[in-house]
Protein backbone atom coordinates (compact mmCIF):
# COMPACT_ATOMS: atom_id res chain seq x y z
CA MET A 1 -1.23 14.21 12.87
CA THR A 2 2.22 15.04 11.29
CA GLY A 3 3.21 17.45 8.21
CA SER A 4 3.66 14.18 6.24
CA GLY A 5 0.24 12.50 7.33
CA ARG A 6 -1.18 16.37 6.32
CA LEU A 7 0.31 16.21 3.08
CA LEU A 8 -0.84 12.74 1.87
CA CYS A 9 -4.27 13.71 3.04
CA ALA A 10 -4.24 16.69 0.86
CA LEU A 11 -3.09 14.80 -2.14
CA TYR A 12 -5.43 12.08 -1.54
CA LEU A 13 -8.57 14.73 -1.60
CA ALA A 14 -6.75 16.42 -4.40
CA THR A 15 -6.61 13.03 -6.34
CA GLY A 16 -10.17 11.92 -5.04
CA GLY A 17 -11.71 15.50 -6.73
CA GLY A 18 -9.71 14.99 -9.85
CA LEU A 19 -11.26 11.65 -10.49
CA ALA A 20 -14.66 12.82 -9.27
CA TRP A 21 -14.28 15.49 -11.97
CA THR A 22 -13.08 12.89 -14.50
CA THR A 23 -16.19 10.78 -13.58
CA VAL A 24 -18.83 14.09 -14.22
CA LEU A 25 -16.90 14.42 -17.60
CA GLU A 26 -17.23 10.81 -18.74
CA PHE A 27 -21.24 10.58 -17.87
CA LEU A 28 -21.63 13.46 -19.84
CA HIS A 29 -19.50 12.74 -22.64
CA GLY A 30 -18.01 9.28 -22.37
CA PRO A 31 -18.47 5.74 -22.66
CA ARG A 32 -20.58 4.76 -19.33
CA TRP A 33 -18.05 1.76 -18.44
CA ALA A 34 -15.25 4.53 -17.81
CA ALA A 35 -17.45 6.66 -16.03
CA PHE A 36 -18.19 3.39 -13.54
CA LEU A 37 -14.50 2.92 -13.58
CA PHE A 38 -13.75 6.24 -12.64
CA ALA A 39 -16.49 6.39 -10.00
CA ALA A 40 -14.78 3.46 -8.09
CA ALA A 41 -11.44 4.84 -8.49
CA SER A 42 -12.37 8.11 -6.97
CA LEU A 43 -13.10 5.87 -3.96
CA VAL A 44 -9.75 4.57 -3.38
CA PRO A 45 -8.33 7.97 -2.37
CA VAL A 46 -11.38 8.43 0.15
CA ILE A 47 -10.37 5.14 2.13
CA ALA A 48 -6.91 6.18 2.16
CA VAL A 49 -7.73 9.35 4.25
CA VAL A 50 -9.86 7.38 6.53
CA ARG A 51 -6.80 5.06 6.75
CA GLU A 52 -4.27 7.80 7.64
CA THR A 53 -6.90 9.46 10.48
CA LEU A 54 -6.53 5.89 11.86
CA VAL A 55 -3.34 5.57 12.02
CA ARG A 56 -2.97 8.89 13.41
CA ASP A 57 -5.66 8.07 16.13
CA LEU A 58 -3.16 4.93 17.01
CA ARG A 59 -0.58 6.76 17.15
CA ALA A 60 -1.48 9.46 19.37
CA ALA A 61 -3.50 6.46 21.92
CA ALA A 62 -0.18 4.78 21.83
CA ALA A 63 1.68 8.09 22.97
CA GLY A 64 -0.82 8.50 25.40
CA SER A 65 -0.36 5.37 26.90
CA ARG A 66 3.02 4.86 28.40
CA ARG A 67 4.02 1.70 26.65
CA PRO A 68 4.86 1.73 23.03
CA ALA A 69 2.17 -0.08 20.76
CA ARG A 70 2.56 -3.49 19.98
CA THR A 71 2.80 -4.66 16.61
CA ALA A 72 2.04 -8.26 15.14
CA ALA A 73 5.43 -9.18 15.31
CA ASP A 74 5.61 -8.28 18.92
CA GLU A 75 2.11 -10.02 19.60
CA VAL A 76 3.64 -13.57 18.09
CA VAL A 77 6.85 -13.12 20.13
CA HIS A 78 4.79 -12.65 23.33
CA ALA A 79 2.29 -15.55 22.48
CA GLU A 80 5.70 -17.59 21.83
CA LEU A 81 7.37 -16.65 25.08
CA GLU A 82 3.93 -17.02 27.15
CA GLY A 83 3.88 -20.50 25.59
CA ALA A 84 7.51 -21.60 26.60
CA CYS A 85 7.97 -24.24 28.95
CA CYS A 86 11.04 -24.82 30.23
CA GLU A 87 14.77 -23.78 29.16
CA ARG A 88 15.92 -27.20 27.85
CA TRP A 89 13.00 -26.75 25.11
CA TRP A 90 14.26 -23.56 24.33
CA THR A 91 17.85 -24.47 23.66
CA SER A 92 16.60 -27.86 21.92
CA LEU A 93 14.74 -25.96 19.44
CA GLY A 94 11.56 -27.20 20.78
CA ILE A 95 12.33 -31.40 20.68
CA HIS A 96 13.40 -31.93 24.35
CA HIS A 97 11.89 -31.00 27.57
CA ASP A 98 12.93 -30.70 31.52
CA SER A 99 12.37 -33.94 33.41
CA THR A 100 9.97 -31.57 35.64
CA CYS A 101 8.30 -29.63 32.62
CA PRO A 102 4.39 -29.87 32.62
CA HIS A 103 4.27 -30.06 28.93
CA ARG A 104 6.68 -32.98 28.45
CA THR A 105 5.17 -35.78 26.48
CA ARG A 106 6.53 -39.02 25.42
CA ARG A 107 6.94 -40.19 22.00
CA SER A 108 5.93 -43.21 20.82
CA SER A 109 7.30 -45.39 18.12
CA ALA A 110 4.44 -46.83 16.78
CA ALA A 111 2.75 -45.02 13.52
């Protein structure tokens, strides 16, 4: 984990601890609705720490492999490239196909 990731996790845990302490104080001296609100809010930093560790693991796995990890945009581009059928289709913005293209379909004027 990088230094910034460790710092974020420390801040998340400190925030979660402060919210947990506020939850205890609200249960003892305050309204119950506020105690439940602080209890729910104290779970958010825990979720953030779990997310940071998952990001760390994904980065380590990507660094371990010889190719970089694909983002969602990379996956979309890869799927579009795999679905491309002919050069004319690309140059005509998906309107026309080459005569030898297996994906060529005839357009009907019937509605």
